[in-house]
Amino acid sequence: MNRLVRMTYWGLMAVLAFATPAFAADGPLIEFSGAIGAGLVTFGAAYGIGKLASAAYDGMARQPEVAGTIQVAMIIAAALIEGFTFFALVVCLQQNPWAK
C-alpha cells in the first residue's frame, strides 16, 4: 500500500507540474480551478479529521485514564483543521467566475 501511495503522490505532482501552464492560460479549465481546489481541500480535511479521530480513539482505548485529555486535544486539533479548511474554501471559491 505504501508503494501505491508514493506512486500516486508523484504521479499527481507530475500532472500538476505540467498542467500549471495550461491552467494559467485563459480557457475552460481555468473556470473550474476554484471548484477543483475546493474539492481537494474538502477531501484533505475529511481525511485529516478521520485520521485524527482514529488516533484519538485508539489512544483512549489503550489508556482510558487519560481519555479526557486526549478528547480535549482532539477537539482543539479538529477545530484548527476546520478553521483552515473554511479559510481555504473561501480562497478557492473566490475564483468562481459565476459568483462575480
Protein backbone atom coordinates (compact mmCIF):
# COMPACT_ATOMS: atom_id res chain seq x y z
CA MET A 1 0.00 0.00 0.00
CA ASN A 2 2.84 2.35 0.79
CA ARG A 3 4.27 1.97 -2.72
CA LEU A 4 0.87 2.71 -4.26
CA VAL A 5 0.55 5.89 -2.20
CA ARG A 6 4.01 7.08 -3.24
CA MET A 7 3.34 6.37 -6.91
CA THR A 8 0.01 8.17 -6.73
CA TYR A 9 1.62 11.13 -4.99
CA TRP A 10 4.43 11.51 -7.52
CA GLY A 11 2.04 10.99 -10.42
CA LEU A 12 -0.22 13.73 -9.11
CA MET A 13 2.74 16.06 -8.59
CA ALA A 14 3.91 15.45 -12.17
CA VAL A 15 0.45 16.14 -13.56
CA LEU A 16 0.18 19.35 -11.54
CA ALA A 17 3.65 20.48 -12.58
CA PHE A 18 2.90 20.02 -16.28
CA ALA A 19 -0.65 21.35 -16.00
CA THR A 20 0.38 24.69 -14.50
CA PRO A 21 0.94 26.40 -17.88
CA ALA A 22 -2.36 25.02 -19.14
CA PHE A 23 -4.25 26.34 -16.13
CA ALA A 24 -2.51 29.72 -16.40
CA ALA A 25 -3.87 30.30 -19.90
CA ASP A 26 -7.36 31.58 -20.49
CA GLY A 27 -9.72 28.77 -21.29
CA PRO A 28 -12.39 26.46 -19.96
CA LEU A 29 -10.10 24.75 -17.45
CA ILE A 30 -9.35 27.95 -15.56
CA GLU A 31 -13.04 28.35 -14.75
CA PHE A 32 -13.06 25.14 -12.73
CA SER A 33 -9.81 25.69 -10.83
CA GLY A 34 -11.66 27.03 -7.78
CA ALA A 35 -14.01 24.05 -7.77
CA ILE A 36 -11.11 21.61 -8.08
CA GLY A 37 -9.28 23.36 -5.24
CA ALA A 38 -12.39 23.34 -3.05
CA GLY A 39 -12.84 19.62 -3.68
CA LEU A 40 -9.23 18.86 -2.82
CA VAL A 41 -9.47 20.95 0.36
CA THR A 42 -12.63 19.14 1.41
CA PHE A 43 -11.20 15.69 0.82
CA GLY A 44 -7.96 16.62 2.58
CA ALA A 45 -9.75 17.96 5.63
CA ALA A 46 -12.03 14.94 5.83
CA TYR A 47 -9.03 12.62 5.62
CA GLY A 48 -7.13 14.60 8.26
CA ILE A 49 -10.00 14.69 10.73
CA GLY A 50 -10.64 10.99 10.14
CA LYS A 51 -7.02 10.15 10.92
CA LEU A 52 -7.13 12.43 13.96
CA ALA A 53 -10.26 10.79 15.35
CA SER A 54 -8.91 7.31 14.64
CA ALA A 55 -5.68 8.00 16.52
CA ALA A 56 -7.54 9.67 19.39
CA TYR A 57 -9.96 6.76 19.81
CA ASP A 58 -7.07 4.33 19.65
CA GLY A 59 -5.27 6.28 22.38
CA MET A 60 -8.40 6.42 24.52
CA ALA A 61 -8.90 2.68 24.17
CA ARG A 62 -5.30 1.98 25.17
CA GLN A 63 -5.26 4.38 28.13
CA PRO A 64 -8.76 5.12 29.40
CA GLU A 65 -7.43 7.14 32.34
CA VAL A 66 -6.26 9.96 30.02
CA ALA A 67 -9.31 9.89 27.75
CA GLY A 68 -10.42 13.37 28.84
CA THR A 69 -7.08 14.93 27.96
CA ILE A 70 -6.98 13.17 24.60
CA GLN A 71 -10.53 14.24 23.83
CA VAL A 72 -9.79 17.90 24.55
CA ALA A 73 -6.67 17.78 22.38
CA MET A 74 -8.65 16.08 19.60
CA ILE A 75 -11.38 18.73 19.69
CA ILE A 76 -8.84 21.57 19.58
CA ALA A 77 -6.97 19.96 16.66
CA ALA A 78 -10.21 19.29 14.78
CA ALA A 79 -11.26 22.93 15.27
CA LEU A 80 -7.93 24.12 13.86
CA ILE A 81 -8.32 21.83 10.85
CA GLU A 82 -11.88 23.09 10.30
CA GLY A 83 -10.76 26.72 10.54
CA PHE A 84 -8.04 26.22 7.97
CA THR A 85 -10.49 24.33 5.76
CA PHE A 86 -13.01 27.17 5.82
CA PHE A 87 -10.27 29.69 5.00
CA ALA A 88 -9.04 27.57 2.09
CA LEU A 89 -12.60 27.12 0.80
CA VAL A 90 -13.14 30.88 0.83
CA VAL A 91 -9.91 31.40 -1.09
CA CYS A 92 -10.83 28.70 -3.63
CA LEU A 93 -14.40 29.86 -4.10
CA GLN A 94 -13.29 33.44 -4.74
CA GLN A 95 -12.00 32.13 -8.05
CA ASN A 96 -15.53 31.10 -9.06
CA PRO A 97 -16.40 33.02 -12.25
CA TRP A 98 -20.15 32.59 -11.69
CA ALA A 99 -20.12 34.28 -8.27
CA LYS A 100 -18.97 37.62 -9.66
